[in-house]
């Protein structure tokens, strides 16, 4: 039998809190999604002014980060013609995101979820997701 560790709703709230703080610092309202380790949505927030078109993008980034166990920016670099993962962006009914801003969440070396951020540039989204992870580890007893 497998034992699965996953983020709780309270954990997701801490990640979102960190993302909101970072978003406010850079002045870009974001859509923020947190999933469990299997890519299923736990929590979502759209900040006032977050782009409507970014709702599903944030969810897809969190899904991808959790199930692929890598940041979405990694696949952006690999998903070009001639690369081994070209075409991966059309898998999973088009929910596999290759746009920066999705990061996996690890606790004790195990995947426990994913965070996806969208509404800024891919670089801004990535920075906010990274800041959310730093905030998460600083405000919980968890270690990567």
N, C-alpha and C. Protein backbone atom coordinates (compact mmCIF):
# COMPACT_ATOMS: atom_id res chain seq x y z
N UNK A 1 0.84 -1.17 0.00
CA UNK A 1 0.00 0.00 0.00
C UNK A 1 0.89 1.24 0.00
N UNK A 2 0.48 2.23 -0.76
CA UNK A 2 1.22 3.49 -0.82
C UNK A 2 0.68 4.48 0.20
N UNK A 3 1.57 5.25 0.77
CA UNK A 3 1.16 6.36 1.61
C UNK A 3 1.49 7.63 0.86
N UNK A 4 0.51 8.52 0.76
CA UNK A 4 0.66 9.73 -0.03
C UNK A 4 0.62 10.94 0.90
N UNK A 5 1.61 11.80 0.75
CA UNK A 5 1.61 13.07 1.46
C UNK A 5 1.12 14.13 0.50
N UNK A 6 0.30 15.05 1.00
CA UNK A 6 -0.19 16.12 0.14
C UNK A 6 -0.42 17.39 0.96
N UNK A 7 -0.46 18.48 0.24
CA UNK A 7 -0.74 19.76 0.88
C UNK A 7 -2.15 19.78 1.43
N UNK A 8 -2.31 20.43 2.57
CA UNK A 8 -3.64 20.65 3.13
C UNK A 8 -4.18 21.99 2.63
N UNK A 9 -5.42 22.26 2.93
CA UNK A 9 -6.00 23.55 2.59
C UNK A 9 -5.25 24.68 3.31
N UNK A 10 -4.86 24.43 4.56
CA UNK A 10 -4.08 25.44 5.32
C UNK A 10 -2.72 25.67 4.67
N UNK A 11 -2.08 24.61 4.19
CA UNK A 11 -0.80 24.75 3.50
C UNK A 11 -0.97 25.58 2.22
N UNK A 12 -2.02 25.29 1.48
CA UNK A 12 -2.30 26.03 0.24
C UNK A 12 -2.50 27.51 0.55
N UNK A 13 -3.16 27.80 1.66
CA UNK A 13 -3.39 29.20 2.04
C UNK A 13 -2.09 29.92 2.31
N UNK A 14 -1.11 29.23 2.90
CA UNK A 14 0.20 29.84 3.16
C UNK A 14 0.90 30.14 1.84
N UNK A 15 0.85 29.23 0.90
CA UNK A 15 1.45 29.47 -0.41
C UNK A 15 0.80 30.67 -1.10
N UNK A 16 -0.50 30.72 -1.05
CA UNK A 16 -1.23 31.83 -1.68
C UNK A 16 -0.90 33.15 -0.98
N UNK A 17 -0.82 33.12 0.33
CA UNK A 17 -0.46 34.32 1.09
C UNK A 17 0.91 34.85 0.64
N UNK A 18 1.86 33.94 0.48
CA UNK A 18 3.19 34.34 0.02
C UNK A 18 3.17 34.89 -1.39
N UNK A 19 2.37 34.29 -2.25
CA UNK A 19 2.27 34.77 -3.63
C UNK A 19 1.62 36.15 -3.68
N UNK A 20 0.59 36.34 -2.88
CA UNK A 20 -0.08 37.65 -2.85
C UNK A 20 0.89 38.73 -2.37
N UNK A 21 1.66 38.43 -1.33
CA UNK A 21 2.63 39.41 -0.81
C UNK A 21 3.63 39.80 -1.90
N UNK A 22 4.13 38.81 -2.62
CA UNK A 22 5.10 39.08 -3.69
C UNK A 22 4.45 39.85 -4.84
N UNK A 23 3.22 39.47 -5.18
CA UNK A 23 2.49 40.17 -6.24
C UNK A 23 2.29 41.64 -5.90
N UNK A 24 1.95 41.89 -4.65
CA UNK A 24 1.77 43.27 -4.21
C UNK A 24 3.08 44.06 -4.28
N UNK A 25 4.19 43.40 -3.97
CA UNK A 25 5.50 44.06 -4.03
C UNK A 25 5.84 44.52 -5.45
N UNK A 26 5.50 43.69 -6.43
CA UNK A 26 5.84 44.06 -7.81
C UNK A 26 4.71 44.81 -8.50
N UNK A 27 3.56 44.92 -7.83
CA UNK A 27 2.46 45.70 -8.38
C UNK A 27 1.71 45.03 -9.52
N UNK A 28 1.71 43.69 -9.54
CA UNK A 28 1.00 42.96 -10.60
C UNK A 28 0.02 41.99 -9.93
N UNK A 29 -1.28 42.25 -10.04
CA UNK A 29 -2.26 41.33 -9.44
C UNK A 29 -2.28 40.02 -10.21
N UNK A 30 -2.26 38.92 -9.47
CA UNK A 30 -2.11 37.60 -10.07
C UNK A 30 -3.30 36.68 -9.81
N UNK A 31 -3.37 35.66 -10.62
CA UNK A 31 -4.21 34.49 -10.38
C UNK A 31 -3.27 33.43 -9.82
N UNK A 32 -3.67 32.79 -8.72
CA UNK A 32 -2.78 31.86 -8.02
C UNK A 32 -3.54 30.56 -7.76
N UNK A 33 -2.98 29.45 -8.21
CA UNK A 33 -3.60 28.14 -8.01
C UNK A 33 -2.64 27.23 -7.26
N UNK A 34 -3.20 26.40 -6.38
CA UNK A 34 -2.41 25.40 -5.66
C UNK A 34 -3.11 24.06 -5.84
N UNK A 35 -2.34 23.06 -6.23
CA UNK A 35 -2.89 21.71 -6.43
C UNK A 35 -2.22 20.73 -5.47
N UNK A 36 -2.83 19.55 -5.38
CA UNK A 36 -2.17 18.47 -4.64
C UNK A 36 -1.16 17.80 -5.55
N UNK A 37 -0.56 16.73 -5.07
CA UNK A 37 0.51 16.07 -5.83
C UNK A 37 0.03 15.44 -7.13
N UNK A 38 -1.25 15.20 -7.25
CA UNK A 38 -1.79 14.61 -8.47
C UNK A 38 -2.37 15.67 -9.42
N UNK A 39 -2.15 16.94 -9.08
CA UNK A 39 -2.57 18.02 -9.96
C UNK A 39 -4.00 18.50 -9.79
N UNK A 40 -4.68 18.00 -8.75
CA UNK A 40 -6.06 18.42 -8.51
C UNK A 40 -6.07 19.68 -7.65
N UNK A 41 -6.91 20.62 -8.03
CA UNK A 41 -6.97 21.92 -7.38
C UNK A 41 -7.36 21.81 -5.91
N UNK A 42 -6.57 22.50 -5.05
CA UNK A 42 -6.89 22.61 -3.62
C UNK A 42 -7.48 23.99 -3.33
N UNK A 43 -6.81 25.03 -3.86
CA UNK A 43 -7.26 26.39 -3.58
C UNK A 43 -6.86 27.29 -4.74
N UNK A 44 -7.61 28.38 -4.89
CA UNK A 44 -7.36 29.33 -5.97
C UNK A 44 -7.78 30.71 -5.52
N UNK A 45 -7.01 31.71 -5.90
CA UNK A 45 -7.37 33.10 -5.64
C UNK A 45 -7.06 33.92 -6.89
N UNK A 46 -8.00 34.78 -7.25
CA UNK A 46 -7.73 35.77 -8.29
C UNK A 46 -7.74 37.12 -7.60
N UNK A 47 -6.58 37.74 -7.55
CA UNK A 47 -6.47 39.05 -6.94
C UNK A 47 -7.29 40.04 -7.75
N UNK A 48 -7.76 41.09 -7.09
CA UNK A 48 -8.46 42.15 -7.81
C UNK A 48 -7.55 42.64 -8.92
N UNK A 49 -8.03 42.58 -10.14
CA UNK A 49 -7.24 42.99 -11.30
C UNK A 49 -6.51 41.85 -11.99
N UNK A 50 -6.53 40.66 -11.39
CA UNK A 50 -5.93 39.50 -12.06
C UNK A 50 -6.69 39.21 -13.34
N UNK A 51 -5.96 38.86 -14.39
CA UNK A 51 -6.59 38.64 -15.71
C UNK A 51 -7.52 37.43 -15.70
N UNK A 52 -8.69 37.61 -16.28
CA UNK A 52 -9.64 36.50 -16.39
C UNK A 52 -9.04 35.37 -17.22
N UNK A 53 -8.32 35.71 -18.26
CA UNK A 53 -7.70 34.69 -19.11
C UNK A 53 -6.62 33.90 -18.37
N UNK A 54 -6.15 34.43 -17.25
CA UNK A 54 -5.09 33.77 -16.49
C UNK A 54 -5.61 32.75 -15.48
N UNK A 55 -6.91 32.69 -15.29
CA UNK A 55 -7.47 31.73 -14.32
C UNK A 55 -7.07 30.31 -14.70
N UNK A 56 -7.43 29.89 -15.89
CA UNK A 56 -7.13 28.51 -16.29
C UNK A 56 -5.64 28.30 -16.51
N UNK A 57 -4.93 29.36 -16.89
CA UNK A 57 -3.48 29.23 -17.09
C UNK A 57 -2.80 28.93 -15.76
N UNK A 58 -3.19 29.63 -14.69
CA UNK A 58 -2.61 29.38 -13.37
C UNK A 58 -2.88 27.95 -12.91
N UNK A 59 -4.11 27.49 -13.12
CA UNK A 59 -4.46 26.12 -12.73
C UNK A 59 -3.63 25.11 -13.52
N UNK A 60 -3.48 25.35 -14.82
CA UNK A 60 -2.68 24.44 -15.66
C UNK A 60 -1.21 24.44 -15.26
N UNK A 61 -0.68 25.60 -14.88
CA UNK A 61 0.71 25.66 -14.43
C UNK A 61 0.90 24.86 -13.15
N UNK A 62 -0.04 24.99 -12.21
CA UNK A 62 0.06 24.22 -10.95
C UNK A 62 -0.06 22.73 -11.23
N UNK A 63 -0.99 22.35 -12.10
CA UNK A 63 -1.16 20.95 -12.49
C UNK A 63 0.15 20.39 -13.06
N UNK A 64 0.71 21.10 -14.01
CA UNK A 64 1.93 20.65 -14.68
C UNK A 64 3.09 20.50 -13.70
N UNK A 65 3.27 21.50 -12.85
CA UNK A 65 4.37 21.46 -11.88
C UNK A 65 4.24 20.27 -10.94
N UNK A 66 3.02 19.99 -10.51
CA UNK A 66 2.81 18.86 -9.59
C UNK A 66 3.03 17.52 -10.27
N UNK A 67 2.40 17.31 -11.42
CA UNK A 67 2.47 15.99 -12.04
C UNK A 67 3.79 15.73 -12.74
N UNK A 68 4.43 16.77 -13.25
CA UNK A 68 5.72 16.60 -13.92
C UNK A 68 6.88 16.72 -12.95
N UNK A 69 6.59 17.28 -11.78
CA UNK A 69 7.60 17.44 -10.72
C UNK A 69 8.77 18.33 -11.13
N UNK A 70 8.47 19.24 -12.05
CA UNK A 70 9.46 20.22 -12.52
C UNK A 70 8.74 21.54 -12.77
N UNK A 71 9.50 22.62 -12.76
CA UNK A 71 8.94 23.91 -13.07
C UNK A 71 8.51 23.97 -14.53
N UNK A 72 7.44 24.69 -14.79
CA UNK A 72 6.94 24.80 -16.16
C UNK A 72 7.95 25.47 -17.09
N UNK A 73 8.79 26.33 -16.55
CA UNK A 73 9.81 27.00 -17.36
C UNK A 73 10.80 26.00 -17.96
N UNK A 74 11.01 24.88 -17.29
CA UNK A 74 11.92 23.84 -17.79
C UNK A 74 11.38 23.28 -19.11
N UNK A 75 10.09 23.06 -19.17
CA UNK A 75 9.49 22.49 -20.38
C UNK A 75 9.43 23.50 -21.51
N UNK A 76 9.38 24.77 -21.18
CA UNK A 76 9.41 25.80 -22.21
C UNK A 76 10.68 25.68 -23.02
N UNK A 77 11.79 25.41 -22.36
CA UNK A 77 13.08 25.29 -23.03
C UNK A 77 13.22 23.98 -23.79
N UNK A 78 12.46 22.97 -23.38
CA UNK A 78 12.57 21.65 -24.01
C UNK A 78 11.52 21.38 -25.08
N UNK A 79 10.48 22.19 -25.09
CA UNK A 79 9.36 21.94 -26.00
C UNK A 79 9.50 22.76 -27.28
N UNK A 80 10.55 22.46 -28.01
CA UNK A 80 10.79 23.08 -29.31
C UNK A 80 11.06 21.98 -30.32
N UNK A 81 10.77 22.22 -31.58
CA UNK A 81 11.00 21.19 -32.58
C UNK A 81 12.42 20.64 -32.50
N UNK A 82 12.53 19.34 -32.56
CA UNK A 82 13.82 18.66 -32.50
C UNK A 82 14.20 18.20 -31.10
N UNK A 83 13.52 18.73 -30.09
CA UNK A 83 13.80 18.31 -28.70
C UNK A 83 12.92 17.11 -28.35
N UNK A 84 13.39 16.26 -27.43
CA UNK A 84 12.65 15.04 -27.10
C UNK A 84 11.25 15.25 -26.54
N UNK A 85 11.00 16.40 -25.92
CA UNK A 85 9.68 16.63 -25.34
C UNK A 85 8.80 17.53 -26.19
N UNK A 86 9.21 17.78 -27.42
CA UNK A 86 8.36 18.61 -28.29
C UNK A 86 6.99 17.96 -28.42
N UNK A 87 5.95 18.73 -28.22
CA UNK A 87 4.58 18.23 -28.31
C UNK A 87 3.95 17.95 -26.96
N UNK A 88 4.74 17.98 -25.90
CA UNK A 88 4.19 17.67 -24.57
C UNK A 88 3.11 18.67 -24.16
N UNK A 89 3.18 19.88 -24.70
CA UNK A 89 2.22 20.92 -24.36
C UNK A 89 0.80 20.62 -24.85
N UNK A 90 0.64 19.65 -25.71
CA UNK A 90 -0.71 19.30 -26.15
C UNK A 90 -1.22 18.03 -25.48
N UNK A 91 -0.45 17.50 -24.53
CA UNK A 91 -0.90 16.31 -23.81
C UNK A 91 -1.84 16.71 -22.68
N UNK A 92 -2.42 15.73 -22.04
CA UNK A 92 -3.33 15.96 -20.91
C UNK A 92 -4.45 16.94 -21.28
N UNK A 93 -5.01 16.71 -22.47
CA UNK A 93 -6.10 17.56 -22.98
C UNK A 93 -5.72 19.03 -23.03
N UNK A 94 -4.45 19.29 -23.29
CA UNK A 94 -3.97 20.66 -23.42
C UNK A 94 -3.71 21.36 -22.09
N UNK A 95 -3.72 20.62 -20.99
CA UNK A 95 -3.52 21.23 -19.67
C UNK A 95 -2.05 21.26 -19.25
N UNK A 96 -1.17 20.72 -20.06
CA UNK A 96 0.26 20.72 -19.73
C UNK A 96 0.84 22.06 -20.16
N UNK A 97 1.26 22.85 -19.20
CA UNK A 97 1.73 24.21 -19.48
C UNK A 97 3.25 24.25 -19.60
N UNK A 98 3.71 25.01 -20.57
CA UNK A 98 5.16 25.20 -20.74
C UNK A 98 5.54 26.67 -20.53
N UNK A 99 4.63 27.42 -19.91
CA UNK A 99 4.86 28.84 -19.63
C UNK A 99 5.38 28.97 -18.21
N UNK A 100 6.44 29.72 -18.00
CA UNK A 100 7.00 29.92 -16.67
C UNK A 100 5.97 30.43 -15.67
N UNK A 101 6.09 29.97 -14.42
CA UNK A 101 5.19 30.40 -13.37
C UNK A 101 4.56 29.25 -12.61
N UNK A 102 4.93 28.03 -12.97
CA UNK A 102 4.45 26.85 -12.24
C UNK A 102 5.62 26.15 -11.59
N UNK A 103 5.50 25.86 -10.30
CA UNK A 103 6.58 25.18 -9.58
C UNK A 103 6.04 24.05 -8.72
N UNK A 104 6.79 22.96 -8.64
CA UNK A 104 6.38 21.87 -7.75
C UNK A 104 6.67 22.25 -6.30
N UNK A 105 5.91 21.66 -5.39
CA UNK A 105 6.14 21.86 -3.96
C UNK A 105 6.59 20.52 -3.39
N UNK A 106 7.78 20.53 -2.81
CA UNK A 106 8.35 19.33 -2.19
C UNK A 106 8.43 19.51 -0.68
N UNK A 107 8.19 18.44 0.05
CA UNK A 107 8.42 18.41 1.49
C UNK A 107 9.18 17.13 1.78
N UNK A 108 10.34 17.29 2.38
CA UNK A 108 11.17 16.13 2.69
C UNK A 108 11.55 15.34 1.46
N UNK A 109 11.71 16.03 0.34
CA UNK A 109 12.10 15.38 -0.90
C UNK A 109 10.95 14.72 -1.65
N UNK A 110 9.74 14.78 -1.12
CA UNK A 110 8.57 14.19 -1.77
C UNK A 110 7.70 15.28 -2.38
N UNK A 111 7.14 14.99 -3.53
CA UNK A 111 6.20 15.94 -4.15
C UNK A 111 4.91 15.94 -3.34
N UNK A 112 4.43 17.12 -3.00
CA UNK A 112 3.18 17.24 -2.23
C UNK A 112 2.17 18.14 -2.93
N UNK A 113 2.61 18.83 -4.00
CA UNK A 113 1.69 19.71 -4.70
C UNK A 113 2.38 20.57 -5.73
N UNK A 114 1.63 21.54 -6.22
CA UNK A 114 2.17 22.48 -7.20
C UNK A 114 1.52 23.84 -7.01
N UNK A 115 2.25 24.88 -7.41
CA UNK A 115 1.69 26.23 -7.41
C UNK A 115 1.82 26.80 -8.81
N UNK A 116 0.78 27.48 -9.26
CA UNK A 116 0.78 28.12 -10.56
C UNK A 116 0.36 29.57 -10.42
N UNK A 117 1.10 30.45 -11.05
CA UNK A 117 0.85 31.89 -10.97
C UNK A 117 0.78 32.44 -12.39
N UNK A 118 -0.22 33.31 -12.64
CA UNK A 118 -0.36 33.88 -13.97
C UNK A 118 -1.03 35.25 -13.89
N UNK A 119 -0.66 36.13 -14.76
CA UNK A 119 -1.23 37.45 -15.04
C UNK A 119 -0.15 38.44 -15.41
N UNK A 120 1.09 38.17 -15.03
CA UNK A 120 2.20 39.04 -15.41
C UNK A 120 2.91 38.44 -16.61
N UNK A 121 4.15 38.85 -16.79
CA UNK A 121 4.99 38.18 -17.79
C UNK A 121 5.38 36.83 -17.21
N UNK A 122 5.89 35.94 -18.04
CA UNK A 122 6.32 34.64 -17.55
C UNK A 122 7.40 34.80 -16.48
N UNK A 123 8.26 35.79 -16.64
CA UNK A 123 9.32 36.03 -15.65
C UNK A 123 8.71 36.51 -14.33
N UNK A 124 7.74 37.42 -14.39
CA UNK A 124 7.08 37.89 -13.17
C UNK A 124 6.32 36.74 -12.49
N UNK A 125 5.64 35.94 -13.28
CA UNK A 125 4.90 34.80 -12.73
C UNK A 125 5.86 33.86 -12.01
N UNK A 126 6.99 33.59 -12.63
CA UNK A 126 8.01 32.70 -12.05
C UNK A 126 8.54 33.28 -10.74
N UNK A 127 8.83 34.57 -10.73
CA UNK A 127 9.35 35.21 -9.52
C UNK A 127 8.35 35.13 -8.38
N UNK A 128 7.09 35.33 -8.67
CA UNK A 128 6.06 35.27 -7.63
C UNK A 128 5.91 33.84 -7.11
N UNK A 129 5.94 32.86 -7.99
CA UNK A 129 5.86 31.46 -7.57
C UNK A 129 7.06 31.10 -6.69
N UNK A 130 8.24 31.55 -7.08
CA UNK A 130 9.45 31.28 -6.28
C UNK A 130 9.33 31.94 -4.91
N UNK A 131 8.84 33.17 -4.87
CA UNK A 131 8.67 33.88 -3.59
C UNK A 131 7.65 33.16 -2.71
N UNK A 132 6.61 32.62 -3.32
CA UNK A 132 5.60 31.88 -2.56
C UNK A 132 6.21 30.66 -1.89
N UNK A 133 7.10 29.96 -2.60
CA UNK A 133 7.76 28.80 -2.01
C UNK A 133 8.67 29.20 -0.85
N UNK A 134 9.43 30.25 -1.03
CA UNK A 134 10.30 30.73 0.05
C UNK A 134 9.45 31.07 1.27
N UNK A 135 8.37 31.78 1.06
CA UNK A 135 7.46 32.17 2.14
C UNK A 135 6.90 30.92 2.82
N UNK A 136 6.50 29.94 2.04
CA UNK A 136 5.95 28.69 2.56
C UNK A 136 6.92 28.00 3.51
N UNK A 137 8.16 27.85 3.09
CA UNK A 137 9.14 27.16 3.93
C UNK A 137 9.52 27.99 5.16
N UNK A 138 9.43 29.30 5.06
CA UNK A 138 9.73 30.17 6.20
C UNK A 138 8.58 30.18 7.23
N UNK A 139 7.35 29.97 6.76
CA UNK A 139 6.19 30.09 7.64
C UNK A 139 5.54 28.76 8.00
N UNK A 140 6.22 27.67 7.72
CA UNK A 140 5.75 26.35 8.14
C UNK A 140 6.94 25.60 8.73
N UNK A 141 6.69 24.44 9.25
CA UNK A 141 7.77 23.60 9.79
C UNK A 141 8.35 22.67 8.73
N UNK A 142 7.92 22.84 7.49
CA UNK A 142 8.35 21.96 6.42
C UNK A 142 9.71 22.36 5.85
N UNK A 143 10.40 21.36 5.36
CA UNK A 143 11.65 21.59 4.63
C UNK A 143 11.52 20.90 3.28
N UNK A 144 12.23 21.50 2.32
CA UNK A 144 12.17 20.92 0.97
C UNK A 144 12.61 19.48 1.03
